[in-house]
Amino acid sequence: MLKRVLSLLLVLLLFVLAGCTNSGSSSKSEELSAPAEKVELTISAAASLTDALKEIKAAFEKENPNTIVTYTFGSSGRLAKQIEQGAPIDAFLSASKKDMDTLQDKNLIAADTRVDFAANELVLVAPKDSSLHIDSFDKLSPEHIKQLAVGEPESVPAGRYTKETLENIGLWNKLQDKLVLGKDVRQVLTYVESGNADVGVVYASDARISKKVKVLAIAKSEWHKPIVYPGAVTANTQHADQAKAFLKYLASKKGKEILGKYGFK
């Protein structure tokens, strides 16, 4: 009788142990099969990069399915100010060296991640059906135009480059009464597309994506500082690895091909 009871207890013990083993295996299996948590990467970028970055987002996310890219577009100066004020940004893509330098001087970017990934040109544009014949910036005349749309020089890099250009050819002061200021380069483009300005100064990449404007002239490179686009990971990001991966993709052959497609050098 005692032997029968002991045998029954032994069988029950083996069932319990087997159940524990299967449970443990199941838990480990579930852990291994659980999808990796997705990371949302927030990137502040110059407005002139809008179209190119939308295509780069799709290509990057396809190769990095656990990273979701979200953009904040605007003028580089205003975006830099937002980062200074503590905005939760993972990477900054500027249309000017100056705004990136400001953040670097304040230790708000990881300097070792900084990379120049594109360049651009400054162009004078008019509505597609315009009858104006101005083939050089130095031929801009207050008598020939009613409005000249430009970016705000204090916060919009394209506006700063425009001011430098017009100062170097002696026209900045003469054209003050004609200026229509835009909050970023895309607003300047819109002013010209809509006919609210006779002419405007934007980047070559902006003119390229618009079917409503034509390029009248290209500014000589010696008239303004080099138009270079630097990118960097912010110092306070919680997603440094993913932000670095995005910058690496941006500067890669694939990234450059997409940027070139939209008129960037």
Protein backbone atom coordinates (compact mmCIF):
# COMPACT_ATOMS: atom_id res chain seq x y z
CA MET A 1 0.00 0.00 0.00
CA LEU A 2 2.80 2.40 0.94
CA LYS A 3 4.64 1.60 -2.30
CA ARG A 4 1.51 2.40 -4.31
CA VAL A 5 1.12 5.80 -2.57
CA LEU A 6 4.80 6.65 -3.12
CA SER A 7 4.53 5.71 -6.80
CA LEU A 8 1.47 7.94 -7.20
CA LEU A 9 3.25 10.86 -5.54
CA LEU A 10 6.27 10.35 -7.79
CA VAL A 11 4.07 10.44 -10.90
CA LEU A 12 2.37 13.64 -9.69
CA LEU A 13 5.77 15.24 -9.00
CA LEU A 14 6.97 14.40 -12.52
CA PHE A 15 3.83 16.03 -14.01
CA VAL A 16 4.41 19.19 -11.97
CA LEU A 17 8.07 19.40 -13.03
CA ALA A 18 7.16 18.85 -16.68
CA GLY A 19 4.58 21.63 -16.47
CA CYS A 20 7.12 24.05 -15.01
CA THR A 21 9.64 23.19 -17.72
CA ASN A 22 7.12 23.75 -20.51
CA SER A 23 5.97 27.01 -18.93
CA GLY A 24 9.54 28.27 -18.76
CA SER A 25 10.19 27.30 -22.36
CA SER A 26 6.98 29.01 -23.44
CA SER A 27 7.96 32.24 -21.63
CA LYS A 28 11.40 32.24 -23.24
CA SER A 29 9.85 31.55 -26.62
CA GLU A 30 7.44 34.45 -26.18
CA GLU A 31 10.31 36.73 -25.18
CA LEU A 32 12.31 35.78 -28.27
CA SER A 33 9.36 36.21 -30.62
CA ALA A 34 8.19 39.55 -29.16
CA PRO A 35 8.76 42.38 -31.70
CA ALA A 36 11.38 45.01 -30.83
CA GLU A 37 9.95 48.27 -29.52
CA LYS A 38 9.82 50.97 -32.19
CA VAL A 39 11.69 54.22 -31.66
CA GLU A 40 10.27 57.55 -32.84
CA LEU A 41 13.08 59.80 -34.07
CA THR A 42 12.26 63.54 -34.10
CA ILE A 43 14.34 65.59 -36.51
CA SER A 44 14.34 69.37 -36.97
CA ALA A 45 15.17 70.25 -40.57
CA ALA A 46 15.51 73.32 -42.77
CA ALA A 47 12.37 73.94 -44.85
CA SER A 48 14.32 73.69 -48.11
CA LEU A 49 14.91 69.98 -47.36
CA THR A 50 11.20 69.13 -47.14
CA ASP A 51 10.69 67.17 -50.35
CA ALA A 52 14.02 65.34 -50.33
CA LEU A 53 13.65 64.30 -46.68
CA LYS A 54 10.18 62.87 -47.24
CA GLU A 55 11.64 60.44 -49.76
CA ILE A 56 14.64 59.74 -47.51
CA LYS A 57 12.25 58.97 -44.63
CA ALA A 58 10.54 56.24 -46.65
CA ALA A 59 13.85 54.73 -47.78
CA PHE A 60 15.41 54.87 -44.30
CA GLU A 61 12.40 53.36 -42.53
CA LYS A 62 12.32 50.53 -45.05
CA GLU A 63 15.88 49.60 -44.07
CA ASN A 64 15.30 50.38 -40.37
CA PRO A 65 11.77 49.08 -39.63
CA ASN A 66 12.06 49.68 -35.88
CA THR A 67 12.63 53.44 -36.33
CA ILE A 68 9.87 55.93 -37.17
CA VAL A 69 11.10 59.32 -38.43
CA THR A 70 9.13 62.48 -37.64
CA TYR A 71 10.18 65.87 -39.02
CA THR A 72 9.76 69.44 -37.83
CA PHE A 73 10.41 71.82 -40.73
CA GLY A 74 11.11 75.55 -40.53
CA SER A 75 13.82 78.16 -40.80
CA SER A 76 17.15 76.97 -39.39
CA GLY A 77 17.38 79.95 -37.03
CA ARG A 78 13.99 79.30 -35.45
CA LEU A 79 14.62 75.57 -35.18
CA ALA A 80 17.96 76.23 -33.47
CA LYS A 81 16.15 78.51 -30.99
CA GLN A 82 13.67 75.73 -30.20
CA ILE A 83 16.53 73.35 -29.44
CA GLU A 84 18.12 76.00 -27.19
CA GLN A 85 14.81 76.23 -25.33
CA GLY A 86 14.75 72.49 -24.68
CA ALA A 87 12.61 71.09 -27.49
CA PRO A 88 12.84 67.25 -27.53
CA ILE A 89 14.76 66.93 -30.80
CA ASP A 90 17.05 64.02 -31.71
CA ALA A 91 18.90 65.53 -34.68
CA PHE A 92 19.20 68.93 -36.37
CA LEU A 93 19.63 69.47 -40.12
CA SER A 94 20.53 73.09 -40.81
CA ALA A 95 20.73 75.11 -44.01
CA SER A 96 23.61 77.13 -42.59
CA LYS A 97 26.85 76.67 -40.73
CA LYS A 98 26.07 79.64 -38.47
CA ASP A 99 23.03 78.12 -36.76
CA MET A 100 24.80 74.81 -36.18
CA ASP A 101 27.85 76.66 -34.82
CA THR A 102 25.59 78.45 -32.32
CA LEU A 103 24.33 75.14 -30.93
CA GLN A 104 27.81 73.63 -30.90
CA ASP A 105 29.20 76.60 -28.96
CA LYS A 106 26.51 75.98 -26.33
CA ASN A 107 27.24 72.21 -26.22
CA LEU A 108 23.74 71.43 -27.48
CA ILE A 109 24.89 69.04 -30.19
CA ALA A 110 27.26 66.07 -30.14
CA ALA A 111 30.13 67.68 -32.06
CA ASP A 112 31.65 64.36 -33.11
CA THR A 113 28.45 63.51 -35.05
CA ARG A 114 28.43 66.71 -37.10
CA VAL A 115 28.59 66.20 -40.87
CA ASP A 116 28.12 68.41 -43.95
CA PHE A 117 25.75 66.39 -46.13
CA ALA A 118 24.67 68.81 -48.90
CA ALA A 119 25.23 72.16 -50.61
CA ASN A 120 23.04 74.54 -52.62
CA GLU A 121 22.89 77.63 -54.83
CA LEU A 122 20.97 80.90 -54.51
CA VAL A 123 18.67 81.74 -57.42
CA LEU A 124 16.39 84.57 -58.51
CA VAL A 125 12.95 83.31 -59.55
CA ALA A 126 9.80 84.78 -61.09
CA PRO A 127 6.34 83.38 -61.89
CA LYS A 128 6.36 81.06 -64.90
CA ASP A 129 4.50 83.54 -67.09
CA SER A 130 6.55 86.58 -66.04
CA SER A 131 7.80 88.89 -68.79
CA LEU A 132 10.73 90.16 -66.71
CA HIS A 133 14.16 89.83 -68.32
CA ILE A 134 16.73 89.89 -65.51
CA ASP A 135 19.64 87.57 -66.17
CA SER A 136 21.82 88.59 -63.21
CA PHE A 137 21.28 89.64 -59.60
CA ASP A 138 23.23 92.85 -60.20
CA LYS A 139 20.62 93.87 -62.80
CA LEU A 140 17.84 94.00 -60.21
CA SER A 141 16.47 97.51 -60.30
CA PRO A 142 13.87 99.19 -58.04
CA GLU A 143 12.30 100.67 -61.18
CA HIS A 144 11.65 97.28 -62.74
CA ILE A 145 10.07 95.37 -59.84
CA LYS A 146 7.26 95.96 -57.35
CA GLN A 147 8.03 93.26 -54.76
CA LEU A 148 11.11 91.17 -54.01
CA ALA A 149 10.42 88.21 -51.71
CA VAL A 150 13.31 87.14 -49.47
CA GLY A 151 13.69 85.20 -46.22
CA GLU A 152 13.99 87.12 -42.96
CA PRO A 153 17.77 87.65 -42.68
CA GLU A 154 17.76 87.23 -38.90
CA SER A 155 16.35 83.71 -38.86
CA VAL A 156 16.28 82.36 -42.42
CA PRO A 157 19.66 81.29 -43.88
CA ALA A 158 18.46 81.95 -47.45
CA GLY A 159 17.59 85.46 -46.28
CA ARG A 160 21.09 85.94 -44.86
CA TYR A 161 22.70 84.74 -48.09
CA THR A 162 20.41 87.07 -50.04
CA LYS A 163 21.33 90.05 -47.89
CA GLU A 164 25.05 89.27 -48.28
CA THR A 165 24.62 89.00 -52.04
CA LEU A 166 22.70 92.25 -52.41
CA GLU A 167 25.09 94.09 -50.10
CA ASN A 168 28.07 92.89 -52.11
CA ILE A 169 26.57 94.22 -55.33
CA GLY A 170 25.36 97.45 -53.72
CA LEU A 171 21.61 96.82 -53.96
CA TRP A 172 20.44 95.91 -50.44
CA ASN A 173 19.68 99.48 -49.31
CA LYS A 174 18.23 100.46 -52.69
CA LEU A 175 15.70 97.61 -52.57
CA GLN A 176 14.44 98.04 -48.99
CA ASP A 177 11.06 99.41 -50.07
CA LYS A 178 10.50 96.41 -52.32
CA LEU A 179 11.17 93.64 -49.80
CA VAL A 180 8.52 91.10 -48.80
CA LEU A 181 9.88 88.95 -45.95
CA GLY A 182 9.14 85.25 -45.55
CA LYS A 183 9.39 83.18 -42.37
CA ASP A 184 11.25 80.47 -44.30
CA VAL A 185 12.41 79.84 -47.85
CA ARG A 186 9.29 77.86 -48.77
CA GLN A 187 7.09 80.84 -47.88
CA VAL A 188 9.24 82.98 -50.17
CA LEU A 189 8.65 80.46 -52.95
CA THR A 190 4.90 80.57 -52.28
CA TYR A 191 4.88 84.38 -52.55
CA VAL A 192 6.35 84.12 -56.05
CA GLU A 193 4.19 81.15 -57.12
CA SER A 194 1.03 83.01 -56.10
CA GLY A 195 2.07 86.25 -57.81
CA ASN A 196 2.30 88.16 -54.52
CA ALA A 197 5.88 89.03 -55.45
CA ASP A 198 7.34 89.83 -58.88
CA VAL A 199 10.56 88.01 -58.02
CA GLY A 200 12.04 86.14 -55.10
CA VAL A 201 15.30 84.61 -53.94
CA VAL A 202 15.28 80.93 -53.04
CA TYR A 203 17.59 77.93 -53.32
CA ALA A 204 18.09 76.11 -56.60
CA SER A 205 16.51 73.02 -54.98
CA ASP A 206 13.31 74.98 -54.19
CA ALA A 207 13.04 76.27 -57.74
CA ARG A 208 13.52 72.75 -59.05
CA ILE A 209 10.50 71.29 -57.28
CA SER A 210 8.13 74.10 -58.36
CA LYS A 211 6.24 74.04 -61.66
CA LYS A 212 5.01 77.60 -61.13
CA VAL A 213 8.30 79.52 -61.21
CA LYS A 214 11.27 79.93 -63.52
CA VAL A 215 14.88 80.75 -62.70
CA LEU A 216 16.06 84.13 -63.96
CA ALA A 217 19.57 84.18 -62.53
CA ILE A 218 22.02 82.35 -60.26
CA ALA A 219 24.00 84.27 -57.63
CA LYS A 220 27.76 84.11 -58.00
CA SER A 221 29.32 82.06 -55.21
CA GLU A 222 31.73 84.87 -54.29
CA TRP A 223 28.80 87.12 -53.40
CA HIS A 224 27.84 85.10 -50.32
CA LYS A 225 29.17 82.55 -47.83
CA PRO A 226 29.12 78.91 -48.99
CA ILE A 227 25.66 77.38 -48.75
CA VAL A 228 26.41 74.20 -46.81
CA TYR A 229 23.99 71.94 -44.92
CA PRO A 230 25.39 70.47 -41.68
CA GLY A 231 23.61 67.83 -39.63
CA ALA A 232 24.25 66.65 -36.06
CA VAL A 233 22.77 64.60 -33.23
CA THR A 234 21.55 66.74 -30.34
CA ALA A 235 23.29 66.47 -26.99
CA ASN A 236 20.13 65.54 -25.05
CA THR A 237 18.69 62.89 -27.36
CA GLN A 238 17.45 59.64 -25.86
CA HIS A 239 17.96 57.88 -29.21
CA ALA A 240 21.58 58.59 -30.10
CA ASP A 241 22.17 55.31 -31.97
CA GLN A 242 19.15 55.76 -34.22
CA ALA A 243 19.95 59.44 -34.82
CA LYS A 244 23.52 58.54 -35.81
CA ALA A 245 22.18 55.86 -38.15
CA PHE A 246 19.94 58.42 -39.84
CA LEU A 247 22.82 60.87 -40.38
CA LYS A 248 24.95 58.06 -41.74
CA TYR A 249 22.19 57.18 -44.22
CA LEU A 250 21.81 60.85 -45.18
CA ALA A 251 25.51 61.08 -46.06
CA SER A 252 25.58 57.66 -47.77
CA LYS A 253 25.51 57.05 -51.51
CA LYS A 254 21.76 56.37 -51.38
CA GLY A 255 21.10 59.52 -49.38
CA LYS A 256 23.18 61.64 -51.76
CA GLU A 257 21.38 60.21 -54.78
CA ILE A 258 18.02 61.30 -53.35
CA LEU A 259 19.34 64.76 -52.40
CA GLY A 260 20.80 65.15 -55.89
CA LYS A 261 17.45 64.24 -57.40
CA TYR A 262 15.96 67.29 -55.66
CA GLY A 263 18.64 69.72 -56.78
CA PHE A 264 21.13 69.57 -53.92
CA LYS A 265 24.84 69.33 -54.62
